[in-house]
Amino acid sequence: MPFIPSEATLLPAAYTVAGFAGSIALLRLYKLRKWGRVRSTFSLRDKTFVITGANTGLGYETTKALVRRQATVIMACRNMAKAQAAIEKIRQEEQEERKGSKSSGTLIPMQLDLASFQSVRQFAGELQRTVPRFDCLVNNAGLAVREPEFTREGYEVHYGVNHLGQFLLVELLKERLLEQGTRVVVVSSRMHEIEAEIDFKNLGRWVEYGSRLNRLYNNSKLMNFYYARELYKRGYNVHVLCPGLCHTDFFRHYEPKWYHYLLFSPIVWLMLRSAEQGAQNIIYAATESVTTPECNPVTGYFISNVRMRRSKFHFDENTSIRLWDESVRAIERSSTSSTT
């Protein structure tokens, strides 16, 4: 005779499932509260922001939030077609939500490929010619890849794009940035605290470290923090942040299998932020964050969960200076080779 569960056995099981689901939902709500949000809605009219990688992911959500507060956003993107598509999407969403009741800001696409020094120089020159003043430069664009990829100058892309391209961009704009007190936002990551080092012997080379983590990416995020520290020491108005682990197309190079989605979807839902949630840290750094003599990149502080926290990493001043000098030499070598 087949076993037929009675109401007495079904009810406890149902309560158990409901209780588990409720606990997961509460934990998710706790995470959302812990991650924080930018509550300010004051107008950013007459403010101009330059955002690299503005057409997708964190850059897109930051762009959308700022333009809705009436800012002018220079969208520095590698692909102009994708930049235009992002603009159309933002405008369509605005039209649906506001129905024309309130004007928003201005979106200006400009081409920038951080994997090419020539492109960085062209972008910086065009920006200087056409934008007399900008209030904030958000160095958001970055990537993580599994297979060897290199910039036009031959540097592996984590070093070449995540660090060196941004380094050159700021260097080309430095007079304007210092003179106008422009806010410089550096998007790092808490991964700078995990298995990260400045490997000077292999700087710019593709290296297999034999780790389950992407050490080249982690190293580049540590470079971002070291770079922010040196900028701050040199008089720049700089703010460094971690957006948190976000579910964006940042992981497009990893090509997960169908069963990965099945296995990890609950974890993704519980632990990963959306691009809109991660962008809160960038928006805060670009509009509200304040550094003090006690809390700044040099003392190891960065923005996480929309507040300042101190890095667990022990920074070394000699490494900080050496990385800056090596970055200058890398750019000079590439400039010399391109003219010979």
C-alpha atoms as a PDB file:
ATOM      1  CA  MET A   1       0.000   0.000   0.000  1.00  0.00           C
ATOM      2  CA  PRO A   2       1.552   3.329  -1.002  1.00  0.00           C
ATOM      3  CA  PHE A   3       2.385   5.838   1.686  1.00  0.00           C
ATOM      4  CA  ILE A   4      -0.005   8.774   1.626  1.00  0.00           C
ATOM      5  CA  PRO A   5       1.242  11.716   3.698  1.00  0.00           C
ATOM      6  CA  SER A   6      -1.322  12.934   6.141  1.00  0.00           C
ATOM      7  CA  GLU A   7      -2.150  16.492   6.984  1.00  0.00           C
ATOM      8  CA  ALA A   8      -0.208  16.006  10.198  1.00  0.00           C
ATOM      9  CA  THR A   9       2.980  15.251   8.267  1.00  0.00           C
ATOM     10  CA  LEU A  10       2.454  17.812   5.514  1.00  0.00           C
ATOM     11  CA  LEU A  11       1.885  20.820   7.735  1.00  0.00           C
ATOM     12  CA  PRO A  12       5.246  20.691   9.600  1.00  0.00           C
ATOM     13  CA  ALA A  13       7.053  20.263   6.297  1.00  0.00           C
ATOM     14  CA  ALA A  14       5.208  23.248   4.833  1.00  0.00           C
ATOM     15  CA  TYR A  15       6.058  25.322   7.887  1.00  0.00           C
ATOM     16  CA  THR A  16       9.705  24.304   7.568  1.00  0.00           C
ATOM     17  CA  VAL A  17       9.856  25.356   3.913  1.00  0.00           C
ATOM     18  CA  ALA A  18       8.013  28.603   4.633  1.00  0.00           C
ATOM     19  CA  GLY A  19      10.301  29.321   7.557  1.00  0.00           C
ATOM     20  CA  PHE A  20      13.398  28.712   5.459  1.00  0.00           C
ATOM     21  CA  ALA A  21      12.105  30.926   2.655  1.00  0.00           C
ATOM     22  CA  GLY A  22      11.225  33.613   5.170  1.00  0.00           C
ATOM     23  CA  SER A  23      14.709  33.470   6.695  1.00  0.00           C
ATOM     24  CA  ILE A  24      16.300  33.847   3.269  1.00  0.00           C
ATOM     25  CA  ALA A  25      14.064  36.826   2.484  1.00  0.00           C
ATOM     26  CA  LEU A  26      14.927  38.480   5.799  1.00  0.00           C
ATOM     27  CA  LEU A  27      18.612  37.900   5.172  1.00  0.00           C
ATOM     28  CA  ARG A  28      18.258  39.521   1.753  1.00  0.00           C
ATOM     29  CA  LEU A  29      16.524  42.527   3.329  1.00  0.00           C
ATOM     30  CA  TYR A  30      19.351  42.747   5.854  1.00  0.00           C
ATOM     31  CA  LYS A  31      21.871  42.732   3.014  1.00  0.00           C
ATOM     32  CA  LEU A  32      20.020  45.498   1.175  1.00  0.00           C
ATOM     33  CA  ARG A  33      19.980  47.643   4.299  1.00  0.00           C
ATOM     34  CA  LYS A  34      23.651  46.970   5.008  1.00  0.00           C
ATOM     35  CA  TRP A  35      24.682  47.865   1.451  1.00  0.00           C
ATOM     36  CA  GLY A  36      23.137  51.327   1.823  1.00  0.00           C
ATOM     37  CA  ARG A  37      21.764  53.828  -0.653  1.00  0.00           C
ATOM     38  CA  VAL A  38      22.302  57.446  -1.606  1.00  0.00           C
ATOM     39  CA  ARG A  39      19.261  59.246  -0.253  1.00  0.00           C
ATOM     40  CA  SER A  40      20.131  62.732  -1.491  1.00  0.00           C
ATOM     41  CA  THR A  41      18.184  64.086  -4.449  1.00  0.00           C
ATOM     42  CA  PHE A  42      19.549  67.631  -4.674  1.00  0.00           C
ATOM     43  CA  SER A  43      19.937  68.980  -8.177  1.00  0.00           C
ATOM     44  CA  LEU A  44      23.231  68.582 -10.011  1.00  0.00           C
ATOM     45  CA  ARG A  45      22.356  71.177 -12.623  1.00  0.00           C
ATOM     46  CA  ASP A  46      25.462  72.981 -13.949  1.00  0.00           C
ATOM     47  CA  LYS A  47      27.639  70.068 -12.756  1.00  0.00           C
ATOM     48  CA  THR A  48      29.578  68.037 -15.336  1.00  0.00           C
ATOM     49  CA  PHE A  49      30.720  64.451 -14.756  1.00  0.00           C
ATOM     50  CA  VAL A  50      33.050  62.400 -16.957  1.00  0.00           C
ATOM     51  CA  ILE A  51      32.407  58.666 -16.590  1.00  0.00           C
ATOM     52  CA  THR A  52      34.496  55.980 -18.266  1.00  0.00           C
ATOM     53  CA  GLY A  53      32.613  52.856 -19.309  1.00  0.00           C
ATOM     54  CA  ALA A  54      29.329  54.743 -19.015  1.00  0.00           C
ATOM     55  CA  ASN A  55      27.240  52.625 -21.379  1.00  0.00           C
ATOM     56  CA  THR A  56      27.009  49.447 -19.313  1.00  0.00           C
ATOM     57  CA  GLY A  57      26.871  48.040 -15.787  1.00  0.00           C
ATOM     58  CA  LEU A  58      27.932  50.313 -12.955  1.00  0.00           C
ATOM     59  CA  GLY A  59      28.827  53.128 -15.336  1.00  0.00           C
ATOM     60  CA  TYR A  60      25.385  53.041 -16.929  1.00  0.00           C
ATOM     61  CA  GLU A  61      23.551  53.098 -13.597  1.00  0.00           C
ATOM     62  CA  THR A  62      25.747  55.934 -12.335  1.00  0.00           C
ATOM     63  CA  THR A  63      25.134  57.885 -15.529  1.00  0.00           C
ATOM     64  CA  LYS A  64      21.385  57.329 -15.276  1.00  0.00           C
ATOM     65  CA  ALA A  65      21.245  58.455 -11.647  1.00  0.00           C
ATOM     66  CA  LEU A  66      23.284  61.615 -12.227  1.00  0.00           C
ATOM     67  CA  VAL A  67      21.487  62.739 -15.373  1.00  0.00           C
ATOM     68  CA  ARG A  68      18.148  62.311 -13.608  1.00  0.00           C
ATOM     69  CA  ARG A  69      19.452  64.840 -11.101  1.00  0.00           C
ATOM     70  CA  GLN A  70      20.026  67.216 -14.031  1.00  0.00           C
ATOM     71  CA  ALA A  71      23.780  66.760 -14.392  1.00  0.00           C
ATOM     72  CA  THR A  72      25.714  66.843 -17.652  1.00  0.00           C
ATOM     73  CA  VAL A  73      27.431  63.497 -18.173  1.00  0.00           C
ATOM     74  CA  ILE A  74      30.269  62.919 -20.623  1.00  0.00           C
ATOM     75  CA  MET A  75      29.942  59.230 -21.476  1.00  0.00           C
ATOM     76  CA  ALA A  76      33.471  58.040 -22.256  1.00  0.00           C
ATOM     77  CA  CYS A  77      32.870  54.751 -24.079  1.00  0.00           C
ATOM     78  CA  ARG A  78      34.798  52.453 -26.360  1.00  0.00           C
ATOM     79  CA  ASN A  79      31.818  51.644 -28.586  1.00  0.00           C
ATOM     80  CA  MET A  80      29.825  54.645 -29.831  1.00  0.00           C
ATOM     81  CA  ALA A  81      26.903  52.522 -31.042  1.00  0.00           C
ATOM     82  CA  LYS A  82      26.497  51.042 -27.565  1.00  0.00           C
ATOM     83  CA  ALA A  83      26.819  54.500 -26.030  1.00  0.00           C
ATOM     84  CA  GLN A  84      24.026  55.793 -28.246  1.00  0.00           C
ATOM     85  CA  ALA A  85      21.875  52.775 -27.400  1.00  0.00           C
ATOM     86  CA  ALA A  86      22.430  53.472 -23.684  1.00  0.00           C
ATOM     87  CA  ILE A  87      21.360  57.098 -24.166  1.00  0.00           C
ATOM     88  CA  GLU A  88      18.187  56.029 -25.946  1.00  0.00           C
ATOM     89  CA  LYS A  89      17.393  53.554 -23.177  1.00  0.00           C
ATOM     90  CA  ILE A  90      17.872  56.181 -20.459  1.00  0.00           C
ATOM     91  CA  ARG A  91      15.672  58.673 -22.309  1.00  0.00           C
ATOM     92  CA  GLN A  92      12.989  56.054 -22.893  1.00  0.00           C
ATOM     93  CA  GLU A  93      12.920  55.137 -19.194  1.00  0.00           C
ATOM     94  CA  GLU A  94      12.718  58.815 -18.258  1.00  0.00           C
ATOM     95  CA  GLN A  95       9.829  59.353 -20.615  1.00  0.00           C
ATOM     96  CA  GLU A  96       7.922  56.416 -19.157  1.00  0.00           C
ATOM     97  CA  GLU A  97       8.554  57.364 -15.540  1.00  0.00           C
ATOM     98  CA  ARG A  98       8.262  61.144 -15.605  1.00  0.00           C
ATOM     99  CA  LYS A  99       6.024  61.736 -18.581  1.00  0.00           C
ATOM    100  CA  GLY A 100       7.875  64.955 -19.291  1.00  0.00           C
ATOM    101  CA  SER A 101       7.064  66.503 -15.906  1.00  0.00           C
ATOM    102  CA  LYS A 102      10.661  67.352 -15.058  1.00  0.00           C
ATOM    103  CA  SER A 103      13.675  68.083 -17.242  1.00  0.00           C
ATOM    104  CA  SER A 104      16.786  65.961 -16.828  1.00  0.00           C
ATOM    105  CA  GLY A 105      20.413  66.576 -17.633  1.00  0.00           C
ATOM    106  CA  THR A 106      22.526  66.247 -20.754  1.00  0.00           C
ATOM    107  CA  LEU A 107      24.222  63.122 -22.125  1.00  0.00           C
ATOM    108  CA  ILE A 108      27.277  63.544 -24.362  1.00  0.00           C
ATOM    109  CA  PRO A 109      28.978  60.425 -25.780  1.00  0.00           C
ATOM    110  CA  MET A 110      32.717  60.535 -26.511  1.00  0.00           C
ATOM    111  CA  GLN A 111      34.968  57.745 -27.692  1.00  0.00           C
ATOM    112  CA  LEU A 112      37.581  56.368 -25.310  1.00  0.00           C
ATOM    113  CA  ASP A 113      39.394  53.035 -25.460  1.00  0.00           C
ATOM    114  CA  LEU A 114      41.566  52.637 -22.364  1.00  0.00           C
ATOM    115  CA  ALA A 115      43.420  49.782 -24.086  1.00  0.00           C
ATOM    116  CA  SER A 116      44.984  52.294 -26.492  1.00  0.00           C
ATOM    117  CA  PHE A 117      47.231  55.176 -25.458  1.00  0.00           C
ATOM    118  CA  GLN A 118      46.429  56.873 -28.753  1.00  0.00           C
ATOM    119  CA  SER A 119      42.718  56.759 -27.959  1.00  0.00           C
ATOM    120  CA  VAL A 120      43.320  58.073 -24.435  1.00  0.00           C
ATOM    121  CA  ARG A 121      45.335  60.984 -25.818  1.00  0.00           C
ATOM    122  CA  GLN A 122      42.699  61.783 -28.444  1.00  0.00           C
ATOM    123  CA  PHE A 123      39.939  61.696 -25.838  1.00  0.00           C
ATOM    124  CA  ALA A 124      41.843  63.922 -23.412  1.00  0.00           C
ATOM    125  CA  GLY A 125      42.551  66.434 -26.171  1.00  0.00           C
ATOM    126  CA  GLU A 126      38.918  66.516 -27.311  1.00  0.00           C
ATOM    127  CA  LEU A 127      37.715  66.873 -23.723  1.00  0.00           C
ATOM    128  CA  GLN A 128      40.073  69.791 -23.115  1.00  0.00           C
ATOM    129  CA  ARG A 129      38.887  71.510 -26.297  1.00  0.00           C
ATOM    130  CA  THR A 130      35.154  71.050 -25.889  1.00  0.00           C
ATOM    131  CA  VAL A 131      34.484  70.961 -22.136  1.00  0.00           C
ATOM    132  CA  PRO A 132      35.820  74.053 -20.365  1.00  0.00           C
ATOM    133  CA  ARG A 133      35.085  72.671 -16.911  1.00  0.00           C
ATOM    134  CA  PHE A 134      34.105  69.353 -15.382  1.00  0.00           C
ATOM    135  CA  ASP A 135      33.455  68.725 -11.719  1.00  0.00           C
ATOM    136  CA  CYS A 136      34.184  65.018 -11.457  1.00  0.00           C
ATOM    137  CA  LEU A 137      36.113  62.316 -13.335  1.00  0.00           C
ATOM    138  CA  VAL A 138      34.861  58.803 -12.553  1.00  0.00           C
ATOM    139  CA  ASN A 139      37.444  56.160 -13.468  1.00  0.00           C
ATOM    140  CA  ASN A 140      34.926  53.338 -13.642  1.00  0.00           C
ATOM    141  CA  ALA A 141      35.858  51.280 -16.717  1.00  0.00           C
ATOM    142  CA  GLY A 142      37.571  47.993 -15.982  1.00  0.00           C
ATOM    143  CA  LEU A 143      37.575  44.315 -16.866  1.00  0.00           C
ATOM    144  CA  ALA A 144      38.487  40.814 -15.769  1.00  0.00           C
ATOM    145  CA  VAL A 145      39.374  38.114 -18.301  1.00  0.00           C
ATOM    146  CA  ARG A 146      40.300  34.436 -18.175  1.00  0.00           C
ATOM    147  CA  GLU A 147      42.473  34.163 -21.263  1.00  0.00           C
ATOM    148  CA  PRO A 148      45.495  36.314 -22.171  1.00  0.00           C
ATOM    149  CA  GLU A 149      44.509  39.662 -23.678  1.00  0.00           C
ATOM    150  CA  PHE A 150      46.728  42.657 -24.303  1.00  0.00           C
ATOM    151  CA  THR A 151      46.468  46.377 -24.960  1.00  0.00           C
ATOM    152  CA  ARG A 152      47.648  48.069 -28.153  1.00  0.00           C
ATOM    153  CA  GLU A 153      50.951  48.730 -26.396  1.00  0.00           C
ATOM    154  CA  GLY A 154      51.397  45.070 -25.435  1.00  0.00           C
ATOM    155  CA  TYR A 155      50.487  45.192 -21.737  1.00  0.00           C
ATOM    156  CA  GLU A 156      48.191  42.543 -20.282  1.00  0.00           C
ATOM    157  CA  VAL A 157      44.765  44.127 -19.960  1.00  0.00           C
ATOM    158  CA  HIS A 158      44.285  44.142 -16.180  1.00  0.00           C
ATOM    159  CA  TYR A 159      47.392  46.272 -15.793  1.00  0.00           C
ATOM    160  CA  GLY A 160      46.958  48.100 -19.101  1.00  0.00           C
ATOM    161  CA  VAL A 161      43.259  48.996 -18.852  1.00  0.00           C
ATOM    162  CA  ASN A 162      42.370  48.892 -15.153  1.00  0.00           C
ATOM    163  CA  HIS A 163      45.459  50.868 -14.127  1.00  0.00           C
ATOM    164  CA  LEU A 164      47.688  52.254 -16.863  1.00  0.00           C
ATOM    165  CA  GLY A 165      45.001  53.680 -19.158  1.00  0.00           C
ATOM    166  CA  GLN A 166      43.441  55.548 -16.237  1.00  0.00           C
ATOM    167  CA  PHE A 167      46.867  56.697 -15.070  1.00  0.00           C
ATOM    168  CA  LEU A 168      47.576  58.227 -18.475  1.00  0.00           C
ATOM    169  CA  LEU A 169      44.154  59.869 -18.651  1.00  0.00           C
ATOM    170  CA  VAL A 170      44.611  61.641 -15.328  1.00  0.00           C
ATOM    171  CA  GLU A 171      48.162  62.606 -16.249  1.00  0.00           C
ATOM    172  CA  LEU A 172      46.947  64.267 -19.459  1.00  0.00           C
ATOM    173  CA  LEU A 173      44.229  66.158 -17.566  1.00  0.00           C
ATOM    174  CA  LYS A 174      46.241  66.927 -14.441  1.00  0.00           C
ATOM    175  CA  GLU A 175      46.497  70.705 -14.862  1.00  0.00           C
ATOM    176  CA  ARG A 176      42.732  71.026 -15.248  1.00  0.00           C
ATOM    177  CA  LEU A 177      42.046  68.595 -12.398  1.00  0.00           C
ATOM    178  CA  LEU A 178      44.308  70.401  -9.958  1.00  0.00           C
ATOM    179  CA  GLU A 179      43.371  73.920 -11.017  1.00  0.00           C
ATOM    180  CA  GLN A 180      39.619  73.294 -10.813  1.00  0.00           C
ATOM    181  CA  GLY A 181      39.736  70.981  -7.797  1.00  0.00           C
ATOM    182  CA  THR A 182      37.963  68.334  -9.866  1.00  0.00           C
ATOM    183  CA  ARG A 183      36.852  65.306  -7.901  1.00  0.00           C
ATOM    184  CA  VAL A 184      38.623  62.130  -9.091  1.00  0.00           C
ATOM    185  CA  VAL A 185      36.779  58.905  -8.305  1.00  0.00           C
ATOM    186  CA  VAL A 186      38.766  55.660  -8.440  1.00  0.00           C
ATOM    187  CA  VAL A 187      36.757  52.422  -8.573  1.00  0.00           C
ATOM    188  CA  SER A 188      38.817  49.821  -6.747  1.00  0.00           C
ATOM    189  CA  SER A 189      37.507  46.683  -5.028  1.00  0.00           C
ATOM    190  CA  ARG A 190      37.783  44.885  -1.714  1.00  0.00           C
ATOM    191  CA  MET A 191      39.598  42.227  -3.733  1.00  0.00           C
ATOM    192  CA  HIS A 192      42.687  44.397  -3.195  1.00  0.00           C
ATOM    193  CA  GLU A 193      42.727  42.823   0.283  1.00  0.00           C
ATOM    194  CA  ILE A 194      42.729  39.217  -0.993  1.00  0.00           C
ATOM    195  CA  GLU A 195      45.779  37.549  -2.587  1.00  0.00           C
ATOM    196  CA  ALA A 196      46.865  40.838  -4.123  1.00  0.00           C
ATOM    197  CA  GLU A 197      50.360  42.234  -4.585  1.00  0.00           C
ATOM    198  CA  ILE A 198      52.264  44.618  -6.809  1.00  0.00           C
ATOM    199  CA  ASP A 199      54.344  42.094  -8.722  1.00  0.00           C
ATOM    200  CA  PHE A 200      57.013  44.392 -10.138  1.00  0.00           C
ATOM    201  CA  LYS A 201      58.917  41.531 -11.804  1.00  0.00           C
ATOM    202  CA  ASN A 202      55.906  40.747 -13.980  1.00  0.00           C
ATOM    203  CA  LEU A 203      54.276  44.150 -14.280  1.00  0.00           C
ATOM    204  CA  GLY A 204      52.340  44.234 -17.546  1.00  0.00           C
ATOM    205  CA  ARG A 205      52.861  40.529 -18.313  1.00  0.00           C
ATOM    206  CA  TRP A 206      50.280  37.770 -18.356  1.00  0.00           C
ATOM    207  CA  VAL A 207      51.067  35.460 -15.429  1.00  0.00           C
ATOM    208  CA  GLU A 208      49.364  32.256 -14.300  1.00  0.00           C
ATOM    209  CA  TYR A 209      49.504  32.379 -10.504  1.00  0.00           C
ATOM    210  CA  GLY A 210      47.884  28.991  -9.901  1.00  0.00           C
ATOM    211  CA  SER A 211      45.062  30.472  -7.825  1.00  0.00           C
ATOM    212  CA  ARG A 212      41.303  29.967  -8.029  1.00  0.00           C
ATOM    213  CA  LEU A 213      41.039  33.758  -7.934  1.00  0.00           C
ATOM    214  CA  ASN A 214      41.932  36.096 -10.778  1.00  0.00           C
ATOM    215  CA  ARG A 215      45.133  37.373  -9.227  1.00  0.00           C
ATOM    216  CA  LEU A 216      45.848  39.746 -12.109  1.00  0.00           C
ATOM    217  CA  TYR A 217      42.501  41.440 -11.488  1.00  0.00           C
ATOM    218  CA  ASN A 218      43.074  41.586  -7.727  1.00  0.00           C
ATOM    219  CA  ASN A 219      46.518  43.053  -8.315  1.00  0.00           C
ATOM    220  CA  SER A 220      45.066  45.738 -10.582  1.00  0.00           C
ATOM    221  CA  LYS A 221      42.543  46.705  -7.899  1.00  0.00           C
ATOM    222  CA  LEU A 222      45.412  47.058  -5.440  1.00  0.00           C
ATOM    223  CA  MET A 223      47.152  49.266  -8.011  1.00  0.00           C
ATOM    224  CA  ASN A 224      44.019  51.410  -8.119  1.00  0.00           C
ATOM    225  CA  PHE A 225      44.197  51.955  -4.372  1.00  0.00           C
ATOM    226  CA  TYR A 226      47.936  52.675  -4.384  1.00  0.00           C
ATOM    227  CA  TYR A 227      47.344  55.094  -7.249  1.00  0.00           C
ATOM    228  CA  ALA A 228      44.567  56.874  -5.360  1.00  0.00           C
ATOM    229  CA  ARG A 229      46.903  57.263  -2.381  1.00  0.00           C
ATOM    230  CA  GLU A 230      49.594  58.876  -4.511  1.00  0.00           C
ATOM    231  CA  LEU A 231      47.069  61.190  -6.163  1.00  0.00           C
ATOM    232  CA  TYR A 232      45.848  62.318  -2.760  1.00  0.00           C
ATOM    233  CA  LYS A 233      49.407  62.988  -1.591  1.00  0.00           C
ATOM    234  CA  ARG A 234      49.985  65.075  -4.732  1.00  0.00           C
ATOM    235  CA  GLY A 235      47.045  67.370  -4.020  1.00  0.00           C
ATOM    236  CA  TYR A 236      44.203  65.774  -5.999  1.00  0.00           C
ATOM    237  CA  ASN A 237      40.649  65.661  -4.679  1.00  0.00           C
ATOM    238  CA  VAL A 238      40.472  61.877  -4.889  1.00  0.00           C
ATOM    239  CA  HIS A 239      37.991  59.333  -3.551  1.00  0.00           C
ATOM    240  CA  VAL A 240      38.448  55.560  -3.800  1.00  0.00           C
ATOM    241  CA  LEU A 241      35.673  52.998  -3.438  1.00  0.00           C
ATOM    242  CA  CYS A 242      34.531  49.404  -3.705  1.00  0.00           C
ATOM    243  CA  PRO A 243      31.139  48.955  -5.404  1.00  0.00           C
ATOM    244  CA  GLY A 244      30.726  45.449  -3.994  1.00  0.00           C
ATOM    245  CA  LEU A 245      30.314  42.219  -5.915  1.00  0.00           C
ATOM    246  CA  CYS A 246      27.710  43.037  -8.542  1.00  0.00           C
ATOM    247  CA  HIS A 247      25.724  41.028 -11.062  1.00  0.00           C
ATOM    248  CA  THR A 248      26.657  42.838 -14.274  1.00  0.00           C
ATOM    249  CA  ASP A 249      28.129  41.987 -17.677  1.00  0.00           C
ATOM    250  CA  PHE A 250      31.539  42.481 -16.040  1.00  0.00           C
ATOM    251  CA  PHE A 251      31.670  38.657 -15.946  1.00  0.00           C
ATOM    252  CA  ARG A 252      30.867  38.262 -19.646  1.00  0.00           C
ATOM    253  CA  HIS A 253      34.328  36.771 -20.319  1.00  0.00           C
ATOM    254  CA  TYR A 254      33.696  33.874 -17.917  1.00  0.00           C
ATOM    255  CA  GLU A 255      30.983  32.160 -19.998  1.00  0.00           C
ATOM    256  CA  PRO A 256      29.199  30.181 -17.236  1.00  0.00           C
ATOM    257  CA  LYS A 257      27.500  26.884 -18.118  1.00  0.00           C
ATOM    258  CA  TRP A 258      23.750  26.353 -17.741  1.00  0.00           C
ATOM    259  CA  TYR A 259      24.212  24.292 -14.563  1.00  0.00           C
ATOM    260  CA  HIS A 260      26.199  27.144 -12.998  1.00  0.00           C
ATOM    261  CA  TYR A 261      23.065  29.273 -13.247  1.00  0.00           C
ATOM    262  CA  LEU A 262      21.036  26.475 -11.648  1.00  0.00           C
ATOM    263  CA  LEU A 263      23.470  25.909  -8.798  1.00  0.00           C
ATOM    264  CA  PHE A 264      24.421  29.478  -8.043  1.00  0.00           C
ATOM    265  CA  SER A 265      21.223  31.433  -8.728  1.00  0.00           C
ATOM    266  CA  PRO A 266      20.154  31.348  -5.045  1.00  0.00           C
ATOM    267  CA  ILE A 267      23.602  32.552  -3.986  1.00  0.00           C
ATOM    268  CA  VAL A 268      23.597  35.246  -6.664  1.00  0.00           C
ATOM    269  CA  TRP A 269      20.173  36.452  -5.556  1.00  0.00           C
ATOM    270  CA  LEU A 270      21.237  36.526  -1.916  1.00  0.00           C
ATOM    271  CA  MET A 271      24.791  37.819  -2.093  1.00  0.00           C
ATOM    272  CA  LEU A 272      25.263  39.786  -5.323  1.00  0.00           C
ATOM    273  CA  ARG A 273      24.147  43.348  -5.794  1.00  0.00           C
ATOM    274  CA  SER A 274      22.501  44.625  -8.910  1.00  0.00           C
ATOM    275  CA  ALA A 275      24.388  47.199 -10.953  1.00  0.00           C
ATOM    276  CA  GLU A 276      22.028  49.843  -9.582  1.00  0.00           C
ATOM    277  CA  GLN A 277      22.870  48.858  -5.997  1.00  0.00           C
ATOM    278  CA  GLY A 278      26.626  48.784  -6.627  1.00  0.00           C
ATOM    279  CA  ALA A 279      26.485  52.170  -8.339  1.00  0.00           C
ATOM    280  CA  GLN A 280      25.352  53.755  -5.069  1.00  0.00           C
ATOM    281  CA  ASN A 281      28.963  53.777  -3.898  1.00  0.00           C
ATOM    282  CA  ILE A 282      30.117  55.510  -7.086  1.00  0.00           C
ATOM    283  CA  ILE A 283      27.329  58.087  -6.879  1.00  0.00           C
ATOM    284  CA  TYR A 284      28.199  58.789  -3.250  1.00  0.00           C
ATOM    285  CA  ALA A 285      31.906  59.165  -4.066  1.00  0.00           C
ATOM    286  CA  ALA A 286      31.110  61.470  -6.998  1.00  0.00           C
ATOM    287  CA  THR A 287      28.687  63.755  -5.164  1.00  0.00           C
ATOM    288  CA  GLU A 288      28.933  63.590  -1.365  1.00  0.00           C
ATOM    289  CA  SER A 289      31.999  61.831  -0.004  1.00  0.00           C
ATOM    290  CA  VAL A 290      34.274  63.997   2.148  1.00  0.00           C
ATOM    291  CA  THR A 291      37.857  63.141   3.041  1.00  0.00           C
ATOM    292  CA  THR A 292      39.509  64.321   6.244  1.00  0.00           C
ATOM    293  CA  PRO A 293      43.084  64.209   7.591  1.00  0.00           C
ATOM    294  CA  GLU A 294      42.053  61.052   9.452  1.00  0.00           C
ATOM    295  CA  CYS A 295      39.966  59.375   6.739  1.00  0.00           C
ATOM    296  CA  ASN A 296      41.427  59.471   3.240  1.00  0.00           C
ATOM    297  CA  PRO A 297      43.141  57.143   0.755  1.00  0.00           C
ATOM    298  CA  VAL A 298      46.576  57.700   2.326  1.00  0.00           C
ATOM    299  CA  THR A 299      45.332  56.500   5.727  1.00  0.00           C
ATOM    300  CA  GLY A 300      43.743  53.500   4.000  1.00  0.00           C
ATOM    301  CA  TYR A 301      40.114  54.615   3.973  1.00  0.00           C
ATOM    302  CA  PHE A 302      37.763  53.931   1.104  1.00  0.00           C
ATOM    303  CA  ILE A 303      34.009  53.954   0.481  1.00  0.00           C
ATOM    304  CA  SER A 304      32.135  50.692   0.945  1.00  0.00           C
ATOM    305  CA  ASN A 305      28.411  50.325   1.614  1.00  0.00           C
ATOM    306  CA  VAL A 306      28.031  54.090   1.207  1.00  0.00           C
ATOM    307  CA  ARG A 307      30.321  54.915   4.108  1.00  0.00           C
ATOM    308  CA  MET A 308      34.014  55.126   4.899  1.00  0.00           C
ATOM    309  CA  ARG A 309      35.823  52.036   6.098  1.00  0.00           C
ATOM    310  CA  ARG A 310      39.489  51.220   6.538  1.00  0.00           C
ATOM    311  CA  SER A 311      41.293  48.726   4.341  1.00  0.00           C
ATOM    312  CA  LYS A 312      42.795  45.638   5.933  1.00  0.00           C
ATOM    313  CA  PHE A 313      45.744  45.860   3.562  1.00  0.00           C
ATOM    314  CA  HIS A 314      49.053  47.133   4.895  1.00  0.00           C
ATOM    315  CA  PHE A 315      50.239  49.716   2.373  1.00  0.00           C
ATOM    316  CA  ASP A 316      53.936  50.337   1.839  1.00  0.00           C
ATOM    317  CA  GLU A 317      55.162  53.820   0.911  1.00  0.00           C
ATOM    318  CA  ASN A 318      58.072  52.560  -1.158  1.00  0.00           C
ATOM    319  CA  THR A 319      55.721  50.383  -3.195  1.00  0.00           C
ATOM    320  CA  SER A 320      53.407  53.351  -3.672  1.00  0.00           C
ATOM    321  CA  ILE A 321      56.137  55.554  -5.105  1.00  0.00           C
ATOM    322  CA  ARG A 322      57.687  52.768  -7.164  1.00  0.00           C
ATOM    323  CA  LEU A 323      54.359  51.899  -8.814  1.00  0.00           C
ATOM    324  CA  TRP A 324      53.909  55.546  -9.816  1.00  0.00           C
ATOM    325  CA  ASP A 325      57.417  55.710 -11.275  1.00  0.00           C
ATOM    326  CA  GLU A 326      57.016  52.399 -13.122  1.00  0.00           C
ATOM    327  CA  SER A 327      53.727  53.619 -14.593  1.00  0.00           C
ATOM    328  CA  VAL A 328      55.395  56.786 -15.884  1.00  0.00           C
ATOM    329  CA  ARG A 329      58.196  54.727 -17.436  1.00  0.00           C
ATOM    330  CA  ALA A 330      55.734  52.321 -19.070  1.00  0.00           C
ATOM    331  CA  ILE A 331      53.984  55.226 -20.784  1.00  0.00           C
ATOM    332  CA  GLU A 332      57.271  56.817 -21.809  1.00  0.00           C
ATOM    333  CA  ARG A 333      58.562  53.536 -23.282  1.00  0.00           C
ATOM    334  CA  SER A 334      55.407  53.153 -25.355  1.00  0.00           C
ATOM    335  CA  SER A 335      55.615  56.764 -26.534  1.00  0.00           C
ATOM    336  CA  THR A 336      59.250  56.322 -27.565  1.00  0.00           C
ATOM    337  CA  SER A 337      58.626  53.074 -29.441  1.00  0.00           C
ATOM    338  CA  SER A 338      55.671  54.574 -31.336  1.00  0.00           C
ATOM    339  CA  THR A 339      57.844  57.399 -32.697  1.00  0.00           C
ATOM    340  CA  THR A 340      60.763  55.215 -33.817  1.00  0.00           C
END
